[in-house]
Protein backbone atom coordinates (compact mmCIF):
# COMPACT_ATOMS: atom_id res chain seq x y z
CA MET A 1 -49.21 -22.69 -5.42
CA GLY A 2 -47.09 -22.75 -2.29
CA LYS A 3 -45.31 -25.96 -1.44
CA LYS A 4 -46.33 -27.78 1.72
CA LYS A 5 -44.33 -30.18 3.83
CA ARG A 6 -45.43 -33.77 4.18
CA ASN A 7 -47.14 -34.56 7.44
CA PRO A 8 -45.48 -37.82 8.52
CA PHE A 9 -47.23 -40.23 10.82
CA PHE A 10 -45.62 -40.61 14.17
CA ALA A 11 -46.33 -43.58 16.38
CA PHE A 12 -46.17 -43.21 20.11
CA THR A 13 -45.96 -46.39 22.14
CA ALA A 14 -46.80 -45.99 25.79
CA LEU A 15 -44.41 -47.70 28.16
CA LEU A 16 -45.59 -49.08 31.49
CA PRO A 17 -43.40 -50.26 34.38
CA LEU A 18 -43.52 -53.93 35.29
CA PHE A 19 -43.98 -54.73 38.94
CA LEU A 20 -42.86 -58.12 40.18
CA THR A 21 -43.96 -59.40 43.56
CA GLY A 22 -43.63 -62.63 45.46
CA CYS A 23 -40.44 -63.76 43.76
CA THR A 24 -36.71 -63.40 44.07
CA ILE A 25 -34.88 -61.64 41.24
CA THR A 26 -31.78 -63.47 40.08
CA ILE A 27 -29.18 -61.52 38.16
CA GLN A 28 -26.26 -63.63 37.05
CA PRO A 29 -23.00 -61.81 37.90
CA VAL A 30 -21.77 -61.76 34.32
CA SER A 31 -22.10 -58.11 33.44
CA SER A 32 -19.67 -56.06 35.43
CA SER A 33 -20.80 -52.95 33.59
CA ILE A 34 -23.85 -52.72 35.87
CA PRO A 35 -23.04 -52.13 39.55
CA SER A 36 -24.27 -54.94 41.77
CA SER A 37 -26.31 -52.55 43.86
CA GLU A 38 -28.31 -51.61 40.78
CA SER A 39 -28.54 -54.99 39.12
CA SER A 40 -31.73 -56.20 40.73
CA SER A 41 -33.69 -53.16 39.69
CA SER A 42 -32.17 -52.74 36.24
CA PHE A 43 -33.47 -55.74 34.39
CA SER A 44 -36.73 -56.02 36.28
CA GLU A 45 -37.78 -52.57 35.09
CA LEU A 46 -38.54 -53.77 31.57
CA SER A 47 -40.79 -51.87 29.23
CA SER A 48 -44.16 -53.13 28.15
CA LYS A 49 -42.75 -53.22 24.61
CA GLU A 50 -40.31 -55.92 25.64
CA MET A 51 -42.93 -57.84 27.60
CA SER A 52 -45.87 -57.78 25.23
CA SER A 53 -44.67 -57.25 21.69
CA SER A 54 -44.24 -60.97 21.07
CA SER A 55 -44.46 -64.29 22.80
CA GLU A 56 -40.74 -64.63 22.26
CA ALA A 57 -40.05 -61.52 24.31
CA THR A 58 -42.36 -62.76 27.06
CA SER A 59 -40.78 -66.18 27.23
CA GLU A 60 -37.31 -64.67 27.33
CA THR A 61 -38.23 -62.37 30.16
CA THR A 62 -39.83 -65.04 32.28
CA SER A 63 -37.28 -67.77 31.65
CA GLU A 64 -34.05 -65.79 31.60
CA ASP A 65 -34.48 -62.62 33.61
CA ILE A 66 -36.70 -63.86 36.46
CA SER A 67 -35.88 -66.83 38.62
CA LEU A 68 -37.99 -68.26 41.41
CA ASP A 69 -35.02 -70.06 42.94
CA SER A 70 -35.22 -69.11 46.60
CA SER A 71 -31.61 -70.11 47.10
CA THR A 72 -30.43 -67.21 45.01
CA SER A 73 -30.17 -64.80 47.89
CA GLU A 74 -27.67 -67.07 49.57
CA SER A 75 -25.45 -67.12 46.49
CA ILE A 76 -24.92 -63.35 46.49
CA SER A 77 -22.59 -62.14 49.18
CA GLU A 78 -23.12 -58.80 50.89
CA GLU A 79 -19.76 -57.65 49.59
CA SER A 80 -18.94 -57.85 45.88
CA ILE A 81 -16.01 -60.05 44.93
CA PRO A 82 -13.23 -57.80 43.56
CA ASP A 83 -12.56 -58.08 39.85
CA PRO A 84 -8.94 -59.24 39.45
CA ARG A 85 -8.66 -57.58 36.04
CA PRO A 86 -6.92 -54.20 35.94
CA ALA A 87 -8.88 -51.13 34.89
CA GLU A 88 -8.80 -50.49 31.15
CA THR A 89 -9.72 -47.52 28.98
CA PHE A 90 -11.09 -48.15 25.50
CA GLU A 91 -11.21 -45.57 22.71
CA PHE A 92 -14.12 -45.68 20.28
CA TYR A 93 -13.94 -43.88 16.94
CA ALA A 94 -17.21 -43.86 15.00
CA VAL A 95 -18.05 -42.53 11.56
CA ASN A 96 -21.42 -41.98 9.93
CA ASP A 97 -22.93 -40.85 6.64
CA PHE A 98 -19.62 -40.90 4.77
CA HIS A 99 -21.60 -41.11 1.52
CA GLY A 100 -18.71 -42.14 -0.66
CA SER A 101 -16.76 -38.90 -0.10
CA VAL A 102 -13.64 -40.37 -1.66
CA VAL A 103 -12.20 -37.19 -3.20
CA TYR A 104 -11.02 -34.15 -1.24
CA ASN A 105 -13.42 -31.30 -2.03
CA GLY A 106 -11.25 -28.38 -0.95
CA THR A 107 -13.31 -27.63 2.16
CA TYR A 108 -14.40 -29.86 5.02
CA GLU A 109 -14.42 -33.18 3.13
CA VAL A 110 -10.83 -34.32 3.60
CA GLY A 111 -11.11 -37.28 1.21
CA ALA A 112 -10.86 -40.99 1.83
CA ALA A 113 -7.05 -41.17 1.85
CA SER A 114 -6.66 -38.82 4.80
CA TYR A 115 -9.89 -39.81 6.52
CA PHE A 116 -9.23 -43.54 6.72
CA SER A 117 -5.48 -43.13 7.29
CA TYR A 118 -6.20 -41.35 10.57
CA LEU A 119 -8.42 -44.21 11.74
CA LYS A 120 -5.90 -46.85 10.69
CA GLN A 121 -3.13 -45.03 12.53
CA ARG A 122 -5.21 -44.92 15.71
CA LYS A 123 -5.97 -48.63 15.44
CA ASP A 124 -2.38 -49.63 14.61
CA ALA A 125 -1.03 -47.64 17.56
CA ASP A 126 -3.16 -49.49 20.13
CA PRO A 127 -5.17 -52.39 18.69
CA ASP A 128 -6.08 -53.71 22.15
CA HIS A 129 -7.93 -50.54 23.13
CA VAL A 130 -9.14 -48.86 19.92
CA ILE A 131 -12.51 -49.83 18.40
CA LEU A 132 -13.60 -48.52 15.00
CA LEU A 133 -17.32 -48.37 14.16
CA SER A 134 -19.59 -47.09 11.41
CA SER A 135 -23.22 -46.13 11.94
CA GLY A 136 -24.18 -46.43 8.28
CA ASP A 137 -24.69 -44.70 4.92
CA MET A 138 -21.10 -45.27 3.90
CA TRP A 139 -21.15 -46.00 0.17
CA GLN A 140 -23.68 -44.00 -1.81
CA GLY A 141 -22.89 -40.44 -2.77
CA SER A 142 -20.20 -39.96 -5.44
CA TYR A 143 -19.25 -41.34 -8.81
CA GLU A 144 -15.94 -42.62 -7.41
CA SER A 145 -17.86 -44.76 -4.90
CA ASN A 146 -21.02 -45.58 -6.83
CA VAL A 147 -19.13 -46.82 -9.87
CA ASN A 148 -17.89 -49.75 -7.76
CA TYR A 149 -21.11 -50.05 -5.71
CA GLY A 150 -19.38 -49.19 -2.46
CA ASN A 151 -16.66 -51.82 -2.72
CA LEU A 152 -13.88 -49.24 -2.37
CA VAL A 153 -15.24 -47.85 0.90
CA THR A 154 -15.82 -51.35 2.26
CA GLU A 155 -12.23 -52.28 1.51
CA LEU A 156 -10.92 -49.06 3.07
CA CYS A 157 -12.76 -50.04 6.24
CA ASN A 158 -11.05 -53.44 6.02
CA VAL A 159 -7.61 -51.86 5.71
CA ALA A 160 -8.28 -49.46 8.58
CA GLY A 161 -9.43 -52.31 10.82
CA PHE A 162 -13.12 -51.57 11.41
CA ASP A 163 -14.88 -53.72 13.99
CA ALA A 164 -18.52 -53.31 12.85
CA MET A 165 -20.88 -51.32 10.65
CA THR A 166 -24.56 -50.64 11.25
CA LEU A 167 -26.66 -50.64 8.09
CA GLY A 168 -28.18 -47.33 7.02
CA ASN A 169 -31.05 -46.74 4.62
CA HIS A 170 -28.71 -45.83 1.75
CA GLU A 171 -26.93 -49.18 1.98
CA PHE A 172 -29.99 -50.48 0.10
CA ASP A 173 -29.79 -47.95 -2.74
CA TYR A 174 -27.93 -50.10 -5.23
CA GLY A 175 -30.25 -53.05 -4.63
CA ARG A 176 -30.17 -55.94 -2.21
CA GLN A 177 -27.53 -57.96 -4.04
CA TYR A 178 -24.93 -55.19 -3.88
CA LEU A 179 -25.45 -54.92 -0.12
CA LEU A 180 -24.87 -58.66 0.21
CA ASN A 181 -21.81 -58.43 -2.05
CA ASN A 182 -20.31 -55.81 0.24
CA LYS A 183 -21.15 -57.95 3.26
CA GLU A 184 -19.12 -60.78 1.74
CA LEU A 185 -16.25 -58.39 1.01
CA ALA A 186 -16.16 -56.91 4.52
CA ASP A 187 -13.88 -58.28 7.24
CA TYR A 188 -16.27 -56.91 9.85
CA PRO A 189 -19.95 -57.67 10.54
CA PHE A 190 -22.94 -55.67 9.28
CA LEU A 191 -25.40 -55.01 12.11
CA ALA A 192 -29.13 -54.22 12.25
CA ALA A 193 -30.99 -55.98 15.07
CA ASN A 194 -34.43 -54.73 14.05
CA ILE A 195 -34.69 -55.75 10.38
CA TYR A 196 -37.28 -58.53 10.12
CA LYS A 197 -39.06 -60.24 7.27
CA TYR A 198 -42.39 -58.75 6.25
CA LYS A 199 -45.12 -61.02 4.88
CA ASP A 200 -48.89 -60.95 4.54
CA TRP A 201 -49.09 -57.35 5.75
CA ARG A 202 -47.32 -58.00 9.03
CA VAL A 203 -43.87 -58.13 10.58
CA THR A 204 -42.88 -61.75 11.06
CA ASP A 205 -40.63 -63.11 13.80
CA GLU A 206 -37.95 -64.06 11.23
CA PHE A 207 -34.82 -61.93 11.50
CA TRP A 208 -33.12 -60.90 8.25
CA SER A 209 -30.03 -62.93 9.02
CA GLU A 210 -28.71 -63.09 5.46
CA GLY A 211 -28.12 -59.35 5.46
CA ALA A 212 -27.07 -58.51 9.00
CA GLU A 213 -26.33 -59.66 12.52
CA LYS A 214 -28.02 -58.27 15.60
CA SER A 215 -24.77 -57.58 17.41
CA THR A 216 -21.14 -58.52 17.68
CA VAL A 217 -18.84 -59.22 20.62
CA ILE A 218 -15.16 -58.32 20.57
CA GLU A 219 -12.61 -59.24 23.22
CA ARG A 220 -9.96 -56.71 24.09
CA ALA A 221 -7.52 -56.51 26.99
CA GLY A 222 -9.39 -59.18 28.91
CA TYR A 223 -12.84 -57.60 28.56
CA ARG A 224 -15.83 -58.42 26.39
CA ILE A 225 -17.36 -55.52 24.46
CA GLY A 226 -20.76 -55.87 22.82
CA ILE A 227 -21.90 -53.70 19.90
CA VAL A 228 -25.61 -53.58 19.04
CA GLY A 229 -26.67 -52.22 15.64
CA ILE A 230 -30.08 -50.65 14.92
CA ILE A 231 -31.54 -48.90 11.88
CA GLY A 232 -34.04 -46.17 12.63
CA GLU A 233 -37.74 -46.94 12.70
CA GLY A 234 -39.71 -45.91 9.65
CA GLN A 235 -36.71 -45.72 7.32
CA THR A 236 -38.54 -47.89 4.84
CA SER A 237 -39.78 -44.57 3.51
CA SER A 238 -36.18 -43.42 2.97
CA ILE A 239 -35.46 -46.32 0.60
CA THR A 240 -36.79 -46.95 -2.89
CA SER A 241 -39.64 -49.18 -1.80
CA ASP A 242 -39.21 -52.00 -4.31
CA ARG A 243 -35.84 -52.74 -2.66
CA VAL A 244 -37.44 -53.68 0.67
CA THR A 245 -40.95 -54.96 -0.01
CA ASP A 246 -40.32 -58.06 2.12
CA LEU A 247 -38.52 -56.30 4.99
CA ALA A 248 -39.61 -54.21 7.97
CA PHE A 249 -37.57 -51.94 10.22
CA ASP A 250 -39.16 -52.79 13.52
CA ASP A 251 -39.28 -51.01 16.91
CA PRO A 252 -35.71 -49.79 17.65
CA GLU A 253 -36.13 -49.58 21.42
CA LEU A 254 -37.54 -53.07 21.76
CA HIS A 255 -34.80 -54.75 19.75
CA ALA A 256 -31.92 -52.61 21.02
CA THR A 257 -32.67 -53.20 24.69
CA LYS A 258 -33.54 -56.84 24.16
CA GLU A 259 -30.22 -57.50 22.43
CA ALA A 260 -28.28 -55.50 25.02
CA ARG A 261 -29.84 -57.58 27.77
CA ARG A 262 -28.84 -60.76 25.94
CA LEU A 263 -25.26 -59.56 25.54
CA LYS A 264 -25.01 -58.92 29.26
CA THR A 265 -26.81 -61.99 30.57
CA GLU A 266 -25.77 -64.59 27.99
CA GLU A 267 -22.56 -63.30 26.42
CA GLY A 268 -21.04 -61.86 29.59
CA CYS A 269 -20.27 -58.48 28.03
CA ASP A 270 -18.60 -55.96 30.32
CA ILE A 271 -19.30 -52.96 28.07
CA VAL A 272 -22.21 -52.59 25.64
CA VAL A 273 -22.41 -49.84 23.02
CA LEU A 274 -25.27 -48.98 20.66
CA SER A 275 -24.67 -47.93 17.05
CA ILE A 276 -27.95 -46.60 15.63
CA HIS A 277 -28.64 -45.17 12.21
CA ASP A 278 -30.80 -42.38 13.54
CA ASP A 279 -30.49 -39.10 15.39
CA ALA A 280 -29.89 -38.91 19.15
CA LYS A 281 -33.36 -37.37 19.39
CA SER A 282 -34.83 -40.68 18.28
CA ILE A 283 -33.86 -41.88 21.76
CA LEU A 284 -34.02 -38.69 23.82
CA GLY A 285 -37.03 -37.15 22.10
CA GLY A 286 -37.27 -33.88 20.17
CA SER A 287 -37.48 -32.54 16.64
CA THR A 288 -35.05 -32.59 13.73
CA ASP A 289 -35.50 -30.84 10.39
CA SER A 290 -37.67 -33.68 9.09
CA LYS A 291 -39.19 -35.49 12.04
CA THR A 292 -40.42 -35.24 15.61
CA TYR A 293 -39.52 -38.10 17.93
CA GLN A 294 -41.01 -39.36 21.16
CA PRO A 295 -38.38 -40.38 23.74
CA TRP A 296 -37.76 -44.01 24.49
CA GLY A 297 -39.73 -45.24 27.46
CA LEU A 298 -36.50 -46.42 29.05
CA VAL A 299 -34.58 -43.22 28.33
CA ASP A 300 -34.15 -42.51 32.06
CA ASN A 301 -32.60 -45.96 32.50
CA LEU A 302 -30.51 -46.13 29.34
CA LYS A 303 -27.37 -46.86 31.38
CA TYR A 304 -28.82 -50.21 32.38
CA TYR A 305 -28.39 -51.25 28.77
CA PHE A 306 -25.74 -49.10 27.09
CA ASP A 307 -22.52 -47.37 28.08
CA GLY A 308 -22.40 -45.21 24.96
CA VAL A 309 -24.40 -44.52 21.80
CA PHE A 310 -23.24 -43.57 18.30
CA CYS A 311 -25.83 -41.98 15.99
CA ALA A 312 -26.28 -41.10 12.30
CA HIS A 313 -28.76 -40.34 9.50
CA THR A 314 -29.58 -36.65 10.04
CA HIS A 315 -26.23 -35.23 8.87
CA THR A 316 -25.79 -33.12 11.96
CA GLU A 317 -23.80 -33.03 15.17
CA ASN A 318 -25.08 -34.86 18.21
CA ASN A 319 -23.16 -34.47 21.44
CA ALA A 320 -25.84 -35.20 23.98
CA THR A 321 -26.26 -37.07 27.23
CA SER A 322 -29.20 -39.13 28.42
CA PRO A 323 -30.85 -38.26 31.77
CA ASP A 324 -28.83 -41.00 33.45
CA GLY A 325 -25.51 -40.01 31.90
CA VAL A 326 -25.07 -42.05 28.70
CA PRO A 327 -23.22 -40.08 25.96
CA LEU A 328 -24.73 -39.95 22.45
CA LEU A 329 -22.58 -38.77 19.52
CA GLN A 330 -23.11 -38.14 15.79
CA ALA A 331 -20.30 -36.78 13.62
CA TRP A 332 -21.97 -34.74 10.90
CA LYS A 333 -21.42 -36.19 7.37
CA ASN A 334 -19.20 -36.80 4.33
CA GLY A 335 -16.00 -37.59 6.18
CA GLY A 336 -15.66 -34.19 7.78
CA ASN A 337 -15.62 -35.38 11.39
CA TYR A 338 -15.17 -38.31 13.75
CA ALA A 339 -17.12 -39.24 16.87
CA HIS A 340 -14.67 -40.07 19.66
CA MET A 341 -15.54 -41.58 23.00
CA THR A 342 -13.39 -43.11 25.74
CA LEU A 343 -14.89 -45.59 28.20
CA THR A 344 -13.06 -46.83 31.29
CA ILE A 345 -14.05 -49.98 33.12
CA ASP A 346 -12.86 -50.52 36.69
CA GLN A 347 -14.32 -53.06 39.10
CA GLY A 348 -17.39 -53.49 36.94
CA LYS A 349 -18.16 -49.78 36.70
CA VAL A 350 -18.04 -48.13 33.28
CA THR A 351 -17.44 -44.39 33.07
CA CYS A 352 -17.15 -42.08 30.09
CA ASP A 353 -14.03 -39.96 30.31
CA LYS A 354 -14.46 -38.12 27.01
CA ALA A 355 -17.21 -37.71 24.40
CA GLU A 356 -16.34 -35.35 21.55
CA ILE A 357 -16.67 -34.59 17.86
CA LEU A 358 -13.28 -34.26 16.15
CA THR A 359 -12.93 -32.08 13.05
CA ALA A 360 -11.10 -34.25 10.55
CA LYS A 361 -9.02 -31.52 8.91
CA ASN A 362 -7.67 -30.55 12.34
CA VAL A 363 -6.41 -34.01 13.32
CA ILE A 364 -5.43 -35.85 10.13
CA GLY A 365 -1.78 -36.41 9.31
CA ASP A 366 0.24 -38.45 6.83
CA ILE A 367 -1.53 -40.73 4.37
CA ASP A 368 -1.06 -44.44 5.08
CA PRO A 369 0.47 -46.21 2.05
CA ASP A 370 -1.88 -49.20 2.35
CA ILE A 371 -4.89 -46.87 2.28
CA GLN A 372 -3.51 -45.03 -0.74
CA ASP A 373 -2.77 -48.30 -2.56
CA LYS A 374 -6.38 -49.42 -2.13
CA ILE A 375 -7.70 -46.11 -3.48
CA ASP A 376 -5.35 -46.29 -6.46
CA GLU A 377 -6.61 -49.80 -7.19
CA TYR A 378 -10.16 -48.50 -7.66
CA LEU A 379 -9.62 -44.99 -9.02
CA THR A 380 -8.26 -46.07 -12.35
CA PRO A 381 -7.41 -43.60 -15.13
CA GLU A 382 -10.73 -44.49 -16.77
CA VAL A 383 -12.71 -43.63 -13.63
CA LEU A 384 -10.84 -40.34 -13.14
CA ALA A 385 -11.32 -39.41 -16.79
CA LYS A 386 -15.07 -40.00 -16.59
CA SER A 387 -15.34 -37.95 -13.39
CA SER A 388 -13.50 -35.00 -14.97
CA GLN A 389 -15.61 -34.81 -18.15
CA VAL A 390 -17.14 -31.34 -18.55
CA ALA A 391 -20.84 -30.92 -19.30
CA GLY A 392 -20.72 -27.14 -19.54
CA THR A 393 -20.69 -24.03 -17.38
CA LEU A 394 -23.09 -22.67 -14.77
CA SER A 395 -23.78 -18.94 -14.39
CA GLY A 396 -24.59 -18.97 -10.67
CA THR A 397 -25.38 -21.14 -7.67
CA LEU A 398 -28.10 -23.80 -7.78
CA SER A 399 -28.99 -25.01 -4.28
CA ASN A 400 -29.75 -28.62 -3.53
CA THR A 401 -33.07 -27.54 -1.99
CA GLU A 402 -34.29 -25.82 -5.15
CA GLY A 403 -32.27 -25.34 -8.29
CA VAL A 404 -30.60 -28.76 -8.58
CA GLY A 405 -33.96 -30.51 -8.28
CA ASN A 406 -35.49 -28.29 -10.95
CA LEU A 407 -32.55 -28.81 -13.30
CA GLY A 408 -32.85 -32.57 -12.93
CA ALA A 409 -36.63 -32.48 -13.47
CA ALA A 410 -36.09 -30.50 -16.66
CA ALA A 411 -33.57 -33.07 -17.88
CA ILE A 412 -36.02 -35.91 -17.20
CA TYR A 413 -38.84 -34.09 -19.00
CA HIS A 414 -36.80 -33.35 -22.12
CA ALA A 415 -35.62 -36.96 -22.28
CA TYR A 416 -39.15 -38.43 -22.18
CA LYS A 417 -41.59 -35.83 -23.49
CA ASP A 418 -41.50 -37.50 -26.91
CA LYS A 419 -42.73 -40.67 -25.20
CA GLY A 420 -45.83 -38.86 -23.97
CA ALA A 421 -44.74 -37.45 -20.61
CA ILE A 422 -46.39 -34.12 -19.79
CA LEU A 423 -43.81 -33.40 -17.10
CA GLY A 424 -40.62 -34.69 -15.44
CA MET A 425 -40.45 -35.11 -11.68
CA GLN A 426 -37.85 -35.82 -9.02
CA ASN A 427 -37.19 -34.98 -5.38
CA SER A 428 -34.54 -32.79 -3.75
CA GLN A 429 -30.90 -33.65 -4.24
CA ARG A 430 -27.88 -33.77 -1.95
CA ALA A 431 -25.44 -30.98 -2.79
CA SER A 432 -25.49 -27.55 -4.41
CA LEU A 433 -23.83 -26.60 -7.69
CA TYR A 434 -21.69 -23.48 -8.03
CA SER A 435 -20.81 -21.17 -10.89
CA GLY A 436 -18.12 -22.28 -13.29
CA GLU A 437 -17.38 -25.55 -15.00
CA LEU A 438 -19.70 -28.47 -14.31
CA THR A 439 -17.91 -31.81 -14.39
CA TYR A 440 -19.55 -35.22 -14.29
CA GLY A 441 -18.07 -35.80 -10.83
CA GLU A 442 -19.54 -32.54 -9.50
CA LEU A 443 -22.95 -33.30 -10.96
CA TYR A 444 -22.80 -36.77 -9.43
CA LYS A 445 -22.09 -35.37 -5.95
CA ALA A 446 -25.11 -33.09 -6.35
CA MET A 447 -27.46 -35.81 -7.57
CA PRO A 448 -25.97 -39.18 -6.54
CA PHE A 449 -29.18 -41.20 -6.37
CA THR A 450 -29.17 -44.19 -8.68
CA ASN A 451 -32.85 -43.93 -9.57
CA SER A 452 -34.39 -45.34 -12.70
CA ILE A 453 -37.03 -43.37 -14.60
CA VAL A 454 -40.59 -44.71 -14.55
CA MET A 455 -43.39 -43.74 -16.94
CA LEU A 456 -46.42 -43.48 -14.65
CA TYR A 457 -50.08 -43.07 -15.64
CA CYS A 458 -51.82 -41.09 -12.93
CA SER A 459 -54.71 -38.74 -12.35
CA GLY A 460 -54.50 -34.99 -12.44
CA SER A 461 -55.45 -34.84 -8.76
CA GLU A 462 -52.52 -37.09 -7.82
CA ILE A 463 -50.10 -35.04 -9.88
CA LYS A 464 -51.29 -31.82 -8.22
CA ARG A 465 -50.98 -33.41 -4.80
CA GLU A 466 -47.43 -34.61 -5.39
CA VAL A 467 -46.12 -31.45 -7.04
CA SER A 468 -47.47 -29.36 -4.14
CA TYR A 469 -45.12 -30.98 -1.65
CA GLN A 470 -41.94 -29.30 -0.59
CA TRP A 471 -38.83 -31.10 -1.88
CA VAL A 472 -40.64 -32.40 -4.97
CA TYR A 473 -39.67 -30.72 -8.25
CA ALA A 474 -41.44 -30.83 -11.60
CA TYR A 475 -40.75 -29.27 -14.99
CA SER A 476 -42.83 -29.00 -18.16
CA ASP A 477 -43.27 -26.89 -21.26
CA THR A 478 -46.45 -28.80 -22.14
CA ILE A 479 -48.36 -27.12 -19.32
CA SER A 480 -47.58 -23.91 -17.48
CA SER A 481 -49.29 -24.90 -14.23
CA THR A 482 -50.79 -28.03 -12.70
CA SER A 483 -54.05 -26.08 -12.43
CA GLU A 484 -54.49 -26.85 -16.12
CA LEU A 485 -54.88 -30.55 -15.32
CA ASP A 486 -58.29 -32.14 -14.85
CA ASP A 487 -58.49 -34.02 -11.57
CA ARG A 488 -60.13 -37.11 -13.09
CA THR A 489 -58.16 -37.27 -16.30
CA PHE A 490 -55.10 -39.51 -16.43
CA TYR A 491 -51.74 -38.39 -17.80
CA TRP A 492 -48.33 -39.91 -18.41
CA ILE A 493 -45.47 -38.45 -16.37
CA ALA A 494 -41.77 -39.35 -16.20
CA VAL A 495 -40.76 -39.72 -12.55
CA ILE A 496 -37.91 -41.24 -10.59
CA ASP A 497 -38.61 -44.69 -9.16
CA PHE A 498 -38.19 -43.48 -5.56
CA LEU A 499 -41.32 -41.34 -5.93
CA ALA A 500 -43.27 -43.71 -8.18
CA TYR A 501 -42.84 -46.77 -5.96
CA HIS A 502 -42.92 -44.98 -2.62
CA GLN A 503 -44.72 -46.83 0.18
CA ASN A 504 -45.32 -46.18 3.86
CA ASP A 505 -44.33 -48.50 6.70
CA GLY A 506 -47.49 -50.48 6.06
CA HIS A 507 -46.27 -51.14 2.51
CA SER A 508 -49.06 -49.17 0.84
CA TYR A 509 -48.41 -46.66 -1.93
CA ASN A 510 -48.65 -43.22 -0.37
CA TYR A 511 -47.15 -40.78 -2.87
CA PHE A 512 -49.39 -42.03 -5.68
CA PRO A 513 -52.15 -43.79 -3.67
CA GLY A 514 -54.17 -44.60 -6.78
CA LEU A 515 -51.70 -47.45 -7.32
CA ASN A 516 -53.27 -49.24 -4.33
CA THR A 517 -56.35 -50.03 -6.45
CA GLY A 518 -54.34 -52.70 -8.22
CA ALA A 519 -54.67 -51.03 -11.60
CA ASP A 520 -51.60 -51.40 -13.79
CA ARG A 521 -50.51 -47.79 -14.27
CA PHE A 522 -46.80 -48.43 -14.70
CA GLY A 523 -45.40 -47.92 -18.15
CA ASP A 524 -41.84 -48.48 -19.31
CA VAL A 525 -38.96 -48.29 -16.85
CA TYR A 526 -35.71 -46.78 -18.13
CA GLU A 527 -32.52 -47.94 -16.44
CA THR A 528 -30.76 -44.61 -16.52
CA TYR A 529 -29.82 -42.19 -13.78
CA PRO A 530 -30.92 -38.56 -13.39
CA VAL A 531 -27.27 -37.48 -13.30
CA ASP A 532 -26.65 -38.99 -16.75
CA LEU A 533 -29.78 -37.37 -18.16
CA THR A 534 -28.72 -34.05 -16.64
CA PHE A 535 -25.19 -34.27 -18.05
CA ASP A 536 -26.59 -34.94 -21.55
CA TYR A 537 -29.23 -32.22 -21.15
CA ILE A 538 -26.61 -29.59 -20.27
CA LYS A 539 -24.18 -30.63 -22.97
CA ASN A 540 -26.58 -31.27 -25.84
CA THR A 541 -29.92 -29.52 -25.23
CA LEU A 542 -28.50 -26.41 -23.51
CA GLY A 543 -25.34 -26.27 -25.59
CA GLY A 544 -23.13 -26.40 -22.50
CA VAL A 545 -24.44 -23.21 -20.86
CA VAL A 546 -26.70 -23.32 -17.79
CA ASN A 547 -28.42 -20.11 -16.76
CA SER A 548 -29.03 -20.60 -13.06
CA SER A 549 -32.02 -18.23 -12.99
CA ALA A 550 -33.89 -20.53 -15.41
CA TYR A 551 -34.11 -23.24 -12.74
CA LYS A 552 -35.36 -21.27 -9.78
CA ALA A 553 -38.93 -20.87 -8.55
CA GLY A 554 -41.09 -18.80 -10.87
CA ALA A 555 -39.04 -19.42 -14.01
CA PRO A 556 -40.89 -20.71 -17.11
CA GLY A 557 -41.35 -24.47 -16.96
CA ILE A 558 -40.90 -24.73 -13.18
CA LEU A 559 -44.16 -26.11 -11.76
């Protein structure tokens, strides 16, 4: 049977202009980043999302943004008062989707020592004008990072002098407590303005303040710079669902623009930047490999809110510009690049002088001793020895989009078939494996997800449905094809928790929808990782020799 892609549900929210008549618009002269000639129109052209999504938004708009004080017009002179502050240029360096790439891999991943040294050197050279940001997914991805639950990467950001980090979906992978532990360890704030509590099948008005802040304000060279953090909408489905059952990732546009407006009108920010854990197309509109986005309703007026945007999540390069001239950057993945943007403010006007993606291996220099000391503190001889353990050898390449997933599914099946599982199942993994020796560290980079294994009792029809999807891999020597399964008969399968617990944004099970009936179909849960099962499978079951052709489509056991 041919695999088919999932058909995700895309919400489109219509945005309507707001027309105000019979009143005088008052814009407090606190945000010099918006020219005075544009100020009156900028904040009156609010989207219907901001006006109608909640009573809070409505009350804010009417009480803060609109004033009926007829004396206002007399308080604004025809000529703007000159700003006595000299013009300043600020350099922003942003990173995204580092995924614990601590060790140099011989190609584009330069390793944490070089990667963070470059950032620290930039910050040390001009701390008044250099701002360091992360747009999320920093920790999860390698044994050297996962073994300390991201603490090493958090501390490297401390040493380098980071100013803020936006939460990504993979910050939740270890479980909520490890995210909070890293938050306590960090010298910089974690941001995510649109994470709200979820209760009784609805998004509440309670912000998840224990895990993140909506924004942060930093003061440099006499100016106030606001950073708003947002996690992409719908990324609940990119997290093992039991980690976030009481949380919702709400409308990014609503919360980003609302917080930007607050920073300008209440905090007096001169420059406001958005750091969003999502692709630039989530704002501008368009399609990525996995999703099609509708543009923000305010995309033509993005400059009214933000002077620059840093993106993430899709592991690609974004170097785009909004219709009204706001730069949007994303710097690929795994510590191979940096997003670099310079913003100059002069008499209240903010201009972008440079927006570029820097290739790390082309700009890095000497390793900073403080960075190296921190790495040495975590990469103990015991950690390095574990990473270098050899499972066996591989005869040819296994791609992350096919062979690695099949190999892992086979390992799961062989570990749990004696417990009644008719097949093992997992989803696609992150990196490919190449011919030669397979070390624990290399296997971990290929399959870094810290999933437990769940015994799940489900119908034949559900198993067929799930196995048919692209990026889902199943292995069995009990059956040769899912066509052998009876739709109404129930079977035990061994499956990673990400698939077993998967829910949609409405918090309903959607990969195995039969679980929504309330029937208890969960069996034992085994607190082991696919990478560990795979290492043992290669070393013990396969005798240390992996024939790559045995784990490609059409091979015996591959469903």
